[in-house]
Amino acid sequence: MAKNITRELGDQLAVPVSHPTNPKSGDPVRWGGKGGVALADKDPKTGKTTVKFNGAATIPVKGINGSGNSAVADGDDLFYTDGDTPPVSKKATGTKIGNAMGAVGSGATATIEVRLAG
């Protein structure tokens, strides 16, 4: 292995999450331009949260896009938008978090499986 490689990354990493401020285990999160799911609550000593960036997870998704209500279909690109509740939807102005593995009605919120973008 090259001498300048500092670590072999798996699909999770402890990072200072950009949003939300105090993530809890299972929350969708954003770290810079990357979305994932918190595997544990934020560590108060380090300020870091262990985040899973690959794989799949069930998270709340809202059936909206940048123009308003829009149903989510299996395979749709999903994005993390800081100002929204829940933060995951089809709003392409956010940070890509993954792809829908289920459906959500137009304007509705449902917990579905999401393939994380990794």
PDB file of N, CA and C in Angstrom:
ATOM      1  N   MET A   1       0.853  -1.176   0.000  1.00  0.00           N
ATOM      2  CA  MET A   1       0.000   0.000   0.000  1.00  0.00           C
ATOM      3  C   MET A   1       0.895   1.235   0.000  1.00  0.00           C
ATOM      4  N   ALA A   2       0.440   2.278  -0.652  1.00  0.00           N
ATOM      5  CA  ALA A   2       1.194   3.530  -0.694  1.00  0.00           C
ATOM      6  C   ALA A   2       1.378   4.087   0.710  1.00  0.00           C
ATOM      7  N   LYS A   3       2.523   4.665   0.983  1.00  0.00           N
ATOM      8  CA  LYS A   3       2.849   5.172   2.318  1.00  0.00           C
ATOM      9  C   LYS A   3       2.016   6.384   2.726  1.00  0.00           C
ATOM     10  N   ASN A   4       1.411   7.082   1.759  1.00  0.00           N
ATOM     11  CA  ASN A   4       0.622   8.257   2.113  1.00  0.00           C
ATOM     12  C   ASN A   4      -0.850   7.953   2.362  1.00  0.00           C
ATOM     13  N   ILE A   5      -1.265   6.701   2.277  1.00  0.00           N
ATOM     14  CA  ILE A   5      -2.650   6.326   2.591  1.00  0.00           C
ATOM     15  C   ILE A   5      -2.794   6.338   4.105  1.00  0.00           C
ATOM     16  N   THR A   6      -3.748   7.129   4.619  1.00  0.00           N
ATOM     17  CA  THR A   6      -3.903   7.274   6.064  1.00  0.00           C
ATOM     18  C   THR A   6      -4.910   6.315   6.674  1.00  0.00           C
ATOM     19  N   ARG A   7      -5.851   5.802   5.877  1.00  0.00           N
ATOM     20  CA  ARG A   7      -6.825   4.838   6.393  1.00  0.00           C
ATOM     21  C   ARG A   7      -7.564   4.174   5.249  1.00  0.00           C
ATOM     22  N   GLU A   8      -8.009   2.972   5.483  1.00  0.00           N
ATOM     23  CA  GLU A   8      -8.889   2.258   4.564  1.00  0.00           C
ATOM     24  C   GLU A   8     -10.310   2.533   5.038  1.00  0.00           C
ATOM     25  N   LEU A   9     -11.108   3.137   4.192  1.00  0.00           N
ATOM     26  CA  LEU A   9     -12.468   3.499   4.584  1.00  0.00           C
ATOM     27  C   LEU A   9     -13.450   2.389   4.262  1.00  0.00           C
ATOM     28  N   GLY A  10     -14.286   2.102   5.207  1.00  0.00           N
ATOM     29  CA  GLY A  10     -15.393   1.193   4.978  1.00  0.00           C
ATOM     30  C   GLY A  10     -16.587   2.015   4.531  1.00  0.00           C
ATOM     31  N   ASP A  11     -17.743   1.683   5.021  1.00  0.00           N
ATOM     32  CA  ASP A  11     -18.927   2.443   4.642  1.00  0.00           C
ATOM     33  C   ASP A  11     -19.432   3.318   5.781  1.00  0.00           C
ATOM     34  N   GLN A  12     -18.605   3.502   6.815  1.00  0.00           N
ATOM     35  CA  GLN A  12     -18.983   4.373   7.916  1.00  0.00           C
ATOM     36  C   GLN A  12     -17.751   5.130   8.394  1.00  0.00           C
ATOM     37  N   LEU A  13     -18.002   6.296   8.976  1.00  0.00           N
ATOM     38  CA  LEU A  13     -16.920   7.159   9.412  1.00  0.00           C
ATOM     39  C   LEU A  13     -17.439   8.092  10.490  1.00  0.00           C
ATOM     40  N   ALA A  14     -16.620   8.365  11.517  1.00  0.00           N
ATOM     41  CA  ALA A  14     -16.978   9.336  12.551  1.00  0.00           C
ATOM     42  C   ALA A  14     -16.600  10.725  12.038  1.00  0.00           C
ATOM     43  N   VAL A  15     -17.600  11.603  11.910  1.00  0.00           N
ATOM     44  CA  VAL A  15     -17.394  12.925  11.339  1.00  0.00           C
ATOM     45  C   VAL A  15     -18.161  13.982  12.138  1.00  0.00           C
ATOM     46  N   PRO A  16     -17.740  15.259  12.031  1.00  0.00           N
ATOM     47  CA  PRO A  16     -18.541  16.339  12.611  1.00  0.00           C
ATOM     48  C   PRO A  16     -19.682  16.679  11.639  1.00  0.00           C
ATOM     49  N   VAL A  17     -20.853  16.163  11.893  1.00  0.00           N
ATOM     50  CA  VAL A  17     -22.003  16.310  10.998  1.00  0.00           C
ATOM     51  C   VAL A  17     -22.336  17.790  10.795  1.00  0.00           C
ATOM     52  N   SER A  18     -22.606  18.173   9.544  1.00  0.00           N
ATOM     53  CA  SER A  18     -22.963  19.555   9.205  1.00  0.00           C
ATOM     54  C   SER A  18     -24.413  19.876   9.578  1.00  0.00           C
ATOM     55  N   HIS A  19     -25.311  18.891   9.438  1.00  0.00           N
ATOM     56  CA  HIS A  19     -26.730  19.072   9.771  1.00  0.00           C
ATOM     57  C   HIS A  19     -27.348  17.719  10.028  1.00  0.00           C
ATOM     58  N   PRO A  20     -28.157  17.550  11.063  1.00  0.00           N
ATOM     59  CA  PRO A  20     -28.572  18.508  12.076  1.00  0.00           C
ATOM     60  C   PRO A  20     -27.475  18.746  13.116  1.00  0.00           C
ATOM     61  N   THR A  21     -27.711  19.692  13.991  1.00  0.00           N
ATOM     62  CA  THR A  21     -26.722  20.068  15.004  1.00  0.00           C
ATOM     63  C   THR A  21     -26.441  18.932  15.976  1.00  0.00           C
ATOM     64  N   ASN A  22     -27.465  18.234  16.413  1.00  0.00           N
ATOM     65  CA  ASN A  22     -27.317  17.144  17.385  1.00  0.00           C
ATOM     66  C   ASN A  22     -27.976  15.871  16.865  1.00  0.00           C
ATOM     67  N   PRO A  23     -27.329  15.192  15.924  1.00  0.00           N
ATOM     68  CA  PRO A  23     -27.945  13.990  15.349  1.00  0.00           C
ATOM     69  C   PRO A  23     -28.114  12.862  16.361  1.00  0.00           C
ATOM     70  N   LYS A  24     -29.169  12.118  16.164  1.00  0.00           N
ATOM     71  CA  LYS A  24     -29.469  10.935  16.971  1.00  0.00           C
ATOM     72  C   LYS A  24     -29.349   9.701  16.087  1.00  0.00           C
ATOM     73  N   SER A  25     -29.117   8.566  16.688  1.00  0.00           N
ATOM     74  CA  SER A  25     -29.015   7.315  15.955  1.00  0.00           C
ATOM     75  C   SER A  25     -30.241   7.121  15.067  1.00  0.00           C
ATOM     76  N   GLY A  26     -30.005   6.823  13.785  1.00  0.00           N
ATOM     77  CA  GLY A  26     -31.093   6.600  12.843  1.00  0.00           C
ATOM     78  C   GLY A  26     -31.490   7.822  12.044  1.00  0.00           C
ATOM     79  N   ASP A  27     -31.013   9.013  12.440  1.00  0.00           N
ATOM     80  CA  ASP A  27     -31.353  10.233  11.716  1.00  0.00           C
ATOM     81  C   ASP A  27     -30.624  10.301  10.375  1.00  0.00           C
ATOM     82  N   PRO A  28     -31.314  10.771   9.320  1.00  0.00           N
ATOM     83  CA  PRO A  28     -30.567  11.128   8.116  1.00  0.00           C
ATOM     84  C   PRO A  28     -29.741  12.366   8.450  1.00  0.00           C
ATOM     85  N   VAL A  29     -28.525  12.447   7.915  1.00  0.00           N
ATOM     86  CA  VAL A  29     -27.625  13.556   8.222  1.00  0.00           C
ATOM     87  C   VAL A  29     -26.894  14.007   6.966  1.00  0.00           C
ATOM     88  N   ARG A  30     -26.289  15.203   7.056  1.00  0.00           N
ATOM     89  CA  ARG A  30     -25.449  15.724   5.990  1.00  0.00           C
ATOM     90  C   ARG A  30     -24.090  16.054   6.576  1.00  0.00           C
ATOM     91  N   TRP A  31     -23.049  15.637   5.875  1.00  0.00           N
ATOM     92  CA  TRP A  31     -21.673  15.989   6.215  1.00  0.00           C
ATOM     93  C   TRP A  31     -21.075  16.620   4.970  1.00  0.00           C
ATOM     94  N   GLY A  32     -20.968  17.935   4.958  1.00  0.00           N
ATOM     95  CA  GLY A  32     -20.522  18.632   3.755  1.00  0.00           C
ATOM     96  C   GLY A  32     -21.455  18.314   2.603  1.00  0.00           C
ATOM     97  N   GLY A  33     -20.915  17.796   1.508  1.00  0.00           N
ATOM     98  CA  GLY A  33     -21.715  17.454   0.342  1.00  0.00           C
ATOM     99  C   GLY A  33     -22.088  15.995   0.269  1.00  0.00           C
ATOM    100  N   LYS A  34     -22.153  15.331   1.419  1.00  0.00           N
ATOM    101  CA  LYS A  34     -22.431  13.894   1.454  1.00  0.00           C
ATOM    102  C   LYS A  34     -23.545  13.619   2.462  1.00  0.00           C
ATOM    103  N   GLY A  35     -24.496  12.788   2.079  1.00  0.00           N
ATOM    104  CA  GLY A  35     -25.583  12.409   2.967  1.00  0.00           C
ATOM    105  C   GLY A  35     -25.400  10.999   3.484  1.00  0.00           C
ATOM    106  N   GLY A  36     -25.939  10.717   4.668  1.00  0.00           N
ATOM    107  CA  GLY A  36     -25.864   9.388   5.255  1.00  0.00           C
ATOM    108  C   GLY A  36     -26.851   9.259   6.399  1.00  0.00           C
ATOM    109  N   VAL A  37     -26.667   8.230   7.212  1.00  0.00           N
ATOM    110  CA  VAL A  37     -27.537   7.977   8.356  1.00  0.00           C
ATOM    111  C   VAL A  37     -26.666   7.790   9.596  1.00  0.00           C
ATOM    112  N   ALA A  38     -27.016   8.489  10.676  1.00  0.00           N
ATOM    113  CA  ALA A  38     -26.273   8.384  11.933  1.00  0.00           C
ATOM    114  C   ALA A  38     -26.429   6.989  12.517  1.00  0.00           C
ATOM    115  N   LEU A  39     -25.303   6.361  12.860  1.00  0.00           N
ATOM    116  CA  LEU A  39     -25.338   5.038  13.494  1.00  0.00           C
ATOM    117  C   LEU A  39     -25.422   5.147  15.008  1.00  0.00           C
ATOM    118  N   ALA A  40     -25.083   6.307  15.545  1.00  0.00           N
ATOM    119  CA  ALA A  40     -25.122   6.549  16.988  1.00  0.00           C
ATOM    120  C   ALA A  40     -25.413   8.028  17.210  1.00  0.00           C
ATOM    121  N   ASP A  41     -25.793   8.367  18.437  1.00  0.00           N
ATOM    122  CA  ASP A  41     -25.972   9.776  18.785  1.00  0.00           C
ATOM    123  C   ASP A  41     -24.626  10.489  18.698  1.00  0.00           C
ATOM    124  N   LYS A  42     -24.660  11.800  18.525  1.00  0.00           N
ATOM    125  CA  LYS A  42     -23.445  12.614  18.497  1.00  0.00           C
ATOM    126  C   LYS A  42     -22.670  12.423  19.800  1.00  0.00           C
ATOM    127  N   ASP A  43     -21.372  12.219  19.697  1.00  0.00           N
ATOM    128  CA  ASP A  43     -20.509  12.064  20.865  1.00  0.00           C
ATOM    129  C   ASP A  43     -20.231  13.456  21.433  1.00  0.00           C
ATOM    130  N   PRO A  44     -20.684  13.745  22.670  1.00  0.00           N
ATOM    131  CA  PRO A  44     -20.503  15.087  23.221  1.00  0.00           C
ATOM    132  C   PRO A  44     -19.034  15.449  23.471  1.00  0.00           C
ATOM    133  N   LYS A  45     -18.174  14.458  23.629  1.00  0.00           N
ATOM    134  CA  LYS A  45     -16.754  14.744  23.883  1.00  0.00           C
ATOM    135  C   LYS A  45     -16.015  15.134  22.605  1.00  0.00           C
ATOM    136  N   THR A  46     -16.258  14.420  21.524  1.00  0.00           N
ATOM    137  CA  THR A  46     -15.538  14.677  20.269  1.00  0.00           C
ATOM    138  C   THR A  46     -16.311  15.574  19.308  1.00  0.00           C
ATOM    139  N   GLY A  47     -17.640  15.667  19.494  1.00  0.00           N
ATOM    140  CA  GLY A  47     -18.475  16.422  18.577  1.00  0.00           C
ATOM    141  C   GLY A  47     -18.729  15.686  17.273  1.00  0.00           C
ATOM    142  N   LYS A  48     -18.321  14.418  17.220  1.00  0.00           N
ATOM    143  CA  LYS A  48     -18.479  13.633  15.997  1.00  0.00           C
ATOM    144  C   LYS A  48     -19.609  12.620  16.121  1.00  0.00           C
ATOM    145  N   THR A  49     -20.109  12.207  14.970  1.00  0.00           N
ATOM    146  CA  THR A  49     -21.165  11.204  14.879  1.00  0.00           C
ATOM    147  C   THR A  49     -20.699  10.140  13.897  1.00  0.00           C
ATOM    148  N   THR A  50     -20.863   8.874  14.258  1.00  0.00           N
ATOM    149  CA  THR A  50     -20.536   7.804  13.323  1.00  0.00           C
ATOM    150  C   THR A  50     -21.688   7.688  12.331  1.00  0.00           C
ATOM    151  N   VAL A  51     -21.345   7.844  11.042  1.00  0.00           N
ATOM    152  CA  VAL A  51     -22.348   7.906   9.981  1.00  0.00           C
ATOM    153  C   VAL A  51     -22.112   6.792   8.970  1.00  0.00           C
ATOM    154  N   LYS A  52     -23.193   6.163   8.548  1.00  0.00           N
ATOM    155  CA  LYS A  52     -23.155   5.158   7.481  1.00  0.00           C
ATOM    156  C   LYS A  52     -23.445   5.883   6.172  1.00  0.00           C
ATOM    157  N   PHE A  53     -22.516   5.760   5.223  1.00  0.00           N
ATOM    158  CA  PHE A  53     -22.641   6.457   3.952  1.00  0.00           C
ATOM    159  C   PHE A  53     -23.014   5.532   2.799  1.00  0.00           C
ATOM    160  N   ASN A  54     -23.061   4.232   3.042  1.00  0.00           N
ATOM    161  CA  ASN A  54     -23.343   3.283   1.981  1.00  0.00           C
ATOM    162  C   ASN A  54     -24.340   2.270   2.504  1.00  0.00           C
ATOM    163  N   GLY A  55     -24.950   1.500   1.637  1.00  0.00           N
ATOM    164  CA  GLY A  55     -25.932   0.504   2.058  1.00  0.00           C
ATOM    165  C   GLY A  55     -27.336   1.037   1.872  1.00  0.00           C
ATOM    166  N   ALA A  56     -28.240   0.629   2.739  1.00  0.00           N
ATOM    167  CA  ALA A  56     -29.633   1.071   2.667  1.00  0.00           C
ATOM    168  C   ALA A  56     -30.171   1.232   4.077  1.00  0.00           C
ATOM    169  N   ALA A  57     -31.122   2.151   4.231  1.00  0.00           N
ATOM    170  CA  ALA A  57     -31.734   2.409   5.530  1.00  0.00           C
ATOM    171  C   ALA A  57     -33.170   2.866   5.322  1.00  0.00           C
ATOM    172  N   THR A  58     -34.005   2.650   6.312  1.00  0.00           N
ATOM    173  CA  THR A  58     -35.366   3.176   6.260  1.00  0.00           C
ATOM    174  C   THR A  58     -35.357   4.540   6.941  1.00  0.00           C
ATOM    175  N   ILE A  59     -35.805   5.565   6.192  1.00  0.00           N
ATOM    176  CA  ILE A  59     -35.848   6.929   6.716  1.00  0.00           C
ATOM    177  C   ILE A  59     -37.100   7.632   6.196  1.00  0.00           C
ATOM    178  N   PRO A  60     -37.555   8.680   6.913  1.00  0.00           N
ATOM    179  CA  PRO A  60     -38.716   9.440   6.441  1.00  0.00           C
ATOM    180  C   PRO A  60     -38.384  10.225   5.177  1.00  0.00           C
ATOM    181  N   VAL A  61     -39.281  10.166   4.207  1.00  0.00           N
ATOM    182  CA  VAL A  61     -39.120  10.866   2.933  1.00  0.00           C
ATOM    183  C   VAL A  61     -40.422  11.600   2.635  1.00  0.00           C
ATOM    184  N   LYS A  62     -40.307  12.837   2.158  1.00  0.00           N
ATOM    185  CA  LYS A  62     -41.489  13.630   1.810  1.00  0.00           C
ATOM    186  C   LYS A  62     -41.656  13.668   0.298  1.00  0.00           C
ATOM    187  N   GLY A  63     -42.890  13.526  -0.163  1.00  0.00           N
ATOM    188  CA  GLY A  63     -43.220  13.533  -1.585  1.00  0.00           C
ATOM    189  C   GLY A  63     -43.315  14.940  -2.146  1.00  0.00           C
ATOM    190  N   ILE A  64     -42.160  15.612  -2.236  1.00  0.00           N
ATOM    191  CA  ILE A  64     -42.097  16.954  -2.808  1.00  0.00           C
ATOM    192  C   ILE A  64     -40.850  17.076  -3.678  1.00  0.00           C
ATOM    193  N   ASN A  65     -40.866  18.085  -4.560  1.00  0.00           N
ATOM    194  CA  ASN A  65     -39.667  18.450  -5.309  1.00  0.00           C
ATOM    195  C   ASN A  65     -39.549  19.970  -5.265  1.00  0.00           C
ATOM    196  N   GLY A  66     -38.694  20.569  -6.073  1.00  0.00           N
ATOM    197  CA  GLY A  66     -38.489  22.012  -6.046  1.00  0.00           C
ATOM    198  C   GLY A  66     -39.697  22.821  -6.480  1.00  0.00           C
ATOM    199  N   SER A  67     -40.660  22.186  -7.144  1.00  0.00           N
ATOM    200  CA  SER A  67     -41.861  22.888  -7.622  1.00  0.00           C
ATOM    201  C   SER A  67     -43.074  22.684  -6.728  1.00  0.00           C
ATOM    202  N   GLY A  68     -42.998  21.790  -5.761  1.00  0.00           N
ATOM    203  CA  GLY A  68     -44.142  21.524  -4.886  1.00  0.00           C
ATOM    204  C   GLY A  68     -44.336  20.038  -4.686  1.00  0.00           C
ATOM    205  N   ASN A  69     -45.589  19.630  -4.478  1.00  0.00           N
ATOM    206  CA  ASN A  69     -45.896  18.229  -4.227  1.00  0.00           C
ATOM    207  C   ASN A  69     -45.544  17.371  -5.438  1.00  0.00           C
ATOM    208  N   SER A  70     -44.888  16.237  -5.172  1.00  0.00           N
ATOM    209  CA  SER A  70     -44.478  15.339  -6.245  1.00  0.00           C
ATOM    210  C   SER A  70     -44.256  13.954  -5.662  1.00  0.00           C
ATOM    211  N   ALA A  71     -44.986  12.979  -6.167  1.00  0.00           N
ATOM    212  CA  ALA A  71     -44.855  11.609  -5.659  1.00  0.00           C
ATOM    213  C   ALA A  71     -43.430  11.090  -5.869  1.00  0.00           C
ATOM    214  N   VAL A  72     -42.998  10.241  -4.958  1.00  0.00           N
ATOM    215  CA  VAL A  72     -41.697   9.582  -5.044  1.00  0.00           C
ATOM    216  C   VAL A  72     -41.938   8.170  -5.563  1.00  0.00           C
ATOM    217  N   ALA A  73     -41.184   7.781  -6.579  1.00  0.00           N
ATOM    218  CA  ALA A  73     -41.281   6.437  -7.147  1.00  0.00           C
ATOM    219  C   ALA A  73     -39.985   5.682  -6.886  1.00  0.00           C
ATOM    220  N   ASP A  74     -40.073   4.369  -6.897  1.00  0.00           N
ATOM    221  CA  ASP A  74     -38.901   3.509  -6.727  1.00  0.00           C
ATOM    222  C   ASP A  74     -37.826   3.918  -7.728  1.00  0.00           C
ATOM    223  N   GLY A  75     -36.618   4.194  -7.237  1.00  0.00           N
ATOM    224  CA  GLY A  75     -35.498   4.579  -8.090  1.00  0.00           C
ATOM    225  C   GLY A  75     -35.254   6.073  -8.175  1.00  0.00           C
ATOM    226  N   ASP A  76     -36.220   6.899  -7.731  1.00  0.00           N
ATOM    227  CA  ASP A  76     -36.033   8.354  -7.796  1.00  0.00           C
ATOM    228  C   ASP A  76     -34.822   8.793  -6.982  1.00  0.00           C
ATOM    229  N   ASP A  77     -34.099   9.802  -7.488  1.00  0.00           N
ATOM    230  CA  ASP A  77     -33.023  10.425  -6.732  1.00  0.00           C
ATOM    231  C   ASP A  77     -33.621  11.171  -5.546  1.00  0.00           C
ATOM    232  N   LEU A  78     -32.972  11.055  -4.390  1.00  0.00           N
ATOM    233  CA  LEU A  78     -33.422  11.748  -3.181  1.00  0.00           C
ATOM    234  C   LEU A  78     -32.304  12.643  -2.669  1.00  0.00           C
ATOM    235  N   PHE A  79     -32.718  13.759  -2.050  1.00  0.00           N
ATOM    236  CA  PHE A  79     -31.777  14.776  -1.606  1.00  0.00           C
ATOM    237  C   PHE A  79     -32.074  15.192  -0.167  1.00  0.00           C
ATOM    238  N   TYR A  80     -31.017  15.626   0.529  1.00  0.00           N
ATOM    239  CA  TYR A  80     -31.116  16.113   1.906  1.00  0.00           C
ATOM    240  C   TYR A  80     -31.115  17.640   1.853  1.00  0.00           C
ATOM    241  N   THR A  81     -32.211  18.254   2.344  1.00  0.00           N
ATOM    242  CA  THR A  81     -32.345  19.714   2.352  1.00  0.00           C
ATOM    243  C   THR A  81     -32.474  20.174   3.797  1.00  0.00           C
ATOM    244  N   ASP A  82     -31.474  20.937   4.263  1.00  0.00           N
ATOM    245  CA  ASP A  82     -31.386  21.336   5.673  1.00  0.00           C
ATOM    246  C   ASP A  82     -32.663  21.949   6.246  1.00  0.00           C
ATOM    247  N   GLY A  83     -33.322  22.835   5.515  1.00  0.00           N
ATOM    248  CA  GLY A  83     -34.462  23.569   6.055  1.00  0.00           C
ATOM    249  C   GLY A  83     -35.781  22.828   6.047  1.00  0.00           C
ATOM    250  N   ASP A  84     -35.827  21.611   5.542  1.00  0.00           N
ATOM    251  CA  ASP A  84     -37.085  20.872   5.413  1.00  0.00           C
ATOM    252  C   ASP A  84     -37.266  19.845   6.527  1.00  0.00           C
ATOM    253  N   THR A  85     -38.542  19.548   6.822  1.00  0.00           N
ATOM    254  CA  THR A  85     -38.885  18.499   7.782  1.00  0.00           C
ATOM    255  C   THR A  85     -39.900  17.583   7.133  1.00  0.00           C
ATOM    256  N   PRO A  86     -39.560  16.314   6.921  1.00  0.00           N
ATOM    257  CA  PRO A  86     -38.235  15.729   7.077  1.00  0.00           C
ATOM    258  C   PRO A  86     -37.288  16.294   6.012  1.00  0.00           C
ATOM    259  N   PRO A  87     -35.985  16.154   6.213  1.00  0.00           N
ATOM    260  CA  PRO A  87     -35.037  16.767   5.282  1.00  0.00           C
ATOM    261  C   PRO A  87     -34.851  16.033   3.956  1.00  0.00           C
ATOM    262  N   VAL A  88     -35.416  14.836   3.790  1.00  0.00           N
ATOM    263  CA  VAL A  88     -35.187  14.041   2.575  1.00  0.00           C
ATOM    264  C   VAL A  88     -36.413  14.103   1.664  1.00  0.00           C
ATOM    265  N   SER A  89     -36.153  14.463   0.395  1.00  0.00           N
ATOM    266  CA  SER A  89     -37.206  14.568  -0.616  1.00  0.00           C
ATOM    267  C   SER A  89     -36.558  14.547  -2.003  1.00  0.00           C
ATOM    268  N   LYS A  90     -37.359  14.909  -3.015  1.00  0.00           N
ATOM    269  CA  LYS A  90     -36.841  14.972  -4.384  1.00  0.00           C
ATOM    270  C   LYS A  90     -36.310  16.360  -4.729  1.00  0.00           C
ATOM    271  N   LYS A  91     -36.190  17.268  -3.752  1.00  0.00           N
ATOM    272  CA  LYS A  91     -35.685  18.621  -4.004  1.00  0.00           C
ATOM    273  C   LYS A  91     -34.226  18.561  -4.404  1.00  0.00           C
ATOM    274  N   ALA A  92     -33.947  18.758  -5.674  1.00  0.00           N
ATOM    275  CA  ALA A  92     -32.585  18.634  -6.199  1.00  0.00           C
ATOM    276  C   ALA A  92     -31.663  19.757  -5.757  1.00  0.00           C
ATOM    277  N   THR A  93     -32.186  20.753  -5.015  1.00  0.00           N
ATOM    278  CA  THR A  93     -31.339  21.821  -4.495  1.00  0.00           C
ATOM    279  C   THR A  93     -30.557  21.355  -3.268  1.00  0.00           C
ATOM    280  N   GLY A  94     -30.908  20.201  -2.721  1.00  0.00           N
ATOM    281  CA  GLY A  94     -30.209  19.673  -1.551  1.00  0.00           C
ATOM    282  C   GLY A  94     -29.019  18.809  -1.944  1.00  0.00           C
ATOM    283  N   THR A  95     -28.482  18.112  -0.954  1.00  0.00           N
ATOM    284  CA  THR A  95     -27.346  17.207  -1.127  1.00  0.00           C
ATOM    285  C   THR A  95     -27.871  15.811  -1.413  1.00  0.00           C
ATOM    286  N   LYS A  96     -27.385  15.162  -2.464  1.00  0.00           N
ATOM    287  CA  LYS A  96     -27.868  13.821  -2.795  1.00  0.00           C
ATOM    288  C   LYS A  96     -27.569  12.867  -1.638  1.00  0.00           C
ATOM    289  N   ILE A  97     -28.617  12.139  -1.223  1.00  0.00           N
ATOM    290  CA  ILE A  97     -28.452  11.145  -0.158  1.00  0.00           C
ATOM    291  C   ILE A  97     -28.600   9.734  -0.701  1.00  0.00           C
ATOM    292  N   GLY A  98     -29.339   9.566  -1.815  1.00  0.00           N
ATOM    293  CA  GLY A  98     -29.493   8.226  -2.374  1.00  0.00           C
ATOM    294  C   GLY A  98     -30.667   8.123  -3.317  1.00  0.00           C
ATOM    295  N   ASN A  99     -31.219   6.895  -3.388  1.00  0.00           N
ATOM    296  CA  ASN A  99     -32.345   6.610  -4.273  1.00  0.00           C
ATOM    297  C   ASN A  99     -33.441   5.894  -3.517  1.00  0.00           C
ATOM    298  N   ALA A 100     -34.679   6.234  -3.858  1.00  0.00           N
ATOM    299  CA  ALA A 100     -35.846   5.614  -3.232  1.00  0.00           C
ATOM    300  C   ALA A 100     -35.928   4.138  -3.602  1.00  0.00           C
ATOM    301  N   MET A 101     -36.278   3.329  -2.625  1.00  0.00           N
ATOM    302  CA  MET A 101     -36.532   1.907  -2.860  1.00  0.00           C
ATOM    303  C   MET A 101     -37.981   1.592  -2.497  1.00  0.00           C
ATOM    304  N   GLY A 102     -38.817   2.606  -2.645  1.00  0.00           N
ATOM    305  CA  GLY A 102     -40.227   2.486  -2.346  1.00  0.00           C
ATOM    306  C   GLY A 102     -40.929   3.724  -2.870  1.00  0.00           C
ATOM    307  N   ALA A 103     -42.198   3.854  -2.585  1.00  0.00           N
ATOM    308  CA  ALA A 103     -42.997   4.970  -3.086  1.00  0.00           C
ATOM    309  C   ALA A 103     -43.539   5.808  -1.938  1.00  0.00           C
ATOM    310  N   VAL A 104     -43.722   7.107  -2.222  1.00  0.00           N
ATOM    311  CA  VAL A 104     -44.351   8.048  -1.288  1.00  0.00           C
ATOM    312  C   VAL A 104     -45.327   8.875  -2.112  1.00  0.00           C
ATOM    313  N   GLY A 105     -46.541   9.036  -1.608  1.00  0.00           N
ATOM    314  CA  GLY A 105     -47.549   9.809  -2.325  1.00  0.00           C
ATOM    315  C   GLY A 105     -47.192  11.284  -2.419  1.00  0.00           C
ATOM    316  N   SER A 106     -47.750  11.944  -3.406  1.00  0.00           N
ATOM    317  CA  SER A 106     -47.539  13.378  -3.617  1.00  0.00           C
ATOM    318  C   SER A 106     -47.950  14.163  -2.365  1.00  0.00           C
ATOM    319  N   GLY A 107     -47.022  14.917  -1.791  1.00  0.00           N
ATOM    320  CA  GLY A 107     -47.293  15.718  -0.598  1.00  0.00           C
ATOM    321  C   GLY A 107     -47.284  14.945   0.707  1.00  0.00           C
ATOM    322  N   ALA A 108     -47.199  13.634   0.634  1.00  0.00           N
ATOM    323  CA  ALA A 108     -47.227  12.794   1.837  1.00  0.00           C
ATOM    324  C   ALA A 108     -45.807  12.578   2.375  1.00  0.00           C
ATOM    325  N   THR A 109     -45.730  12.087   3.608  1.00  0.00           N
ATOM    326  CA  THR A 109     -44.461  11.677   4.202  1.00  0.00           C
ATOM    327  C   THR A 109     -44.597  10.222   4.609  1.00  0.00           C
ATOM    328  N   ALA A 110     -43.598   9.421   4.252  1.00  0.00           N
ATOM    329  CA  ALA A 110     -43.611   8.002   4.610  1.00  0.00           C
ATOM    330  C   ALA A 110     -42.176   7.557   4.882  1.00  0.00           C
ATOM    331  N   THR A 111     -42.035   6.553   5.717  1.00  0.00           N
ATOM    332  CA  THR A 111     -40.726   5.966   5.988  1.00  0.00           C
ATOM    333  C   THR A 111     -40.531   4.829   4.986  1.00  0.00           C
ATOM    334  N   ILE A 112     -39.524   4.995   4.124  1.00  0.00           N
ATOM    335  CA  ILE A 112     -39.238   3.987   3.102  1.00  0.00           C
ATOM    336  C   ILE A 112     -37.759   3.635   3.132  1.00  0.00           C
ATOM    337  N   GLU A 113     -37.430   2.558   2.460  1.00  0.00           N
ATOM    338  CA  GLU A 113     -36.029   2.173   2.342  1.00  0.00           C
ATOM    339  C   GLU A 113     -35.367   3.054   1.282  1.00  0.00           C
ATOM    340  N   VAL A 114     -34.161   3.534   1.618  1.00  0.00           N
ATOM    341  CA  VAL A 114     -33.396   4.387   0.718  1.00  0.00           C
ATOM    342  C   VAL A 114     -32.021   3.761   0.532  1.00  0.00           C
ATOM    343  N   ARG A 115     -31.601   3.627  -0.732  1.00  0.00           N
ATOM    344  CA  ARG A 115     -30.250   3.159  -1.041  1.00  0.00           C
ATOM    345  C   ARG A 115     -29.348   4.363  -0.927  1.00  0.00           C
ATOM    346  N   LEU A 116     -28.462   4.369   0.067  1.00  0.00           N
ATOM    347  CA  LEU A 116     -27.576   5.493   0.303  1.00  0.00           C
ATOM    348  C   LEU A 116     -26.577   5.643  -0.839  1.00  0.00           C
ATOM    349  N   ALA A 117     -26.273   6.884  -1.180  1.00  0.00           N
ATOM    350  CA  ALA A 117     -25.438   7.182  -2.345  1.00  0.00           C
ATOM    351  C   ALA A 117     -23.998   6.727  -2.175  1.00  0.00           C
ATOM    352  N   GLY A 118     -23.507   6.675  -0.933  1.00  0.00           N
ATOM    353  CA  GLY A 118     -22.141   6.224  -0.713  1.00  0.00           C
ATOM    354  C   GLY A 118     -21.194   7.156  -1.281  1.00  0.00           C
TER     355      GLY A 118
END
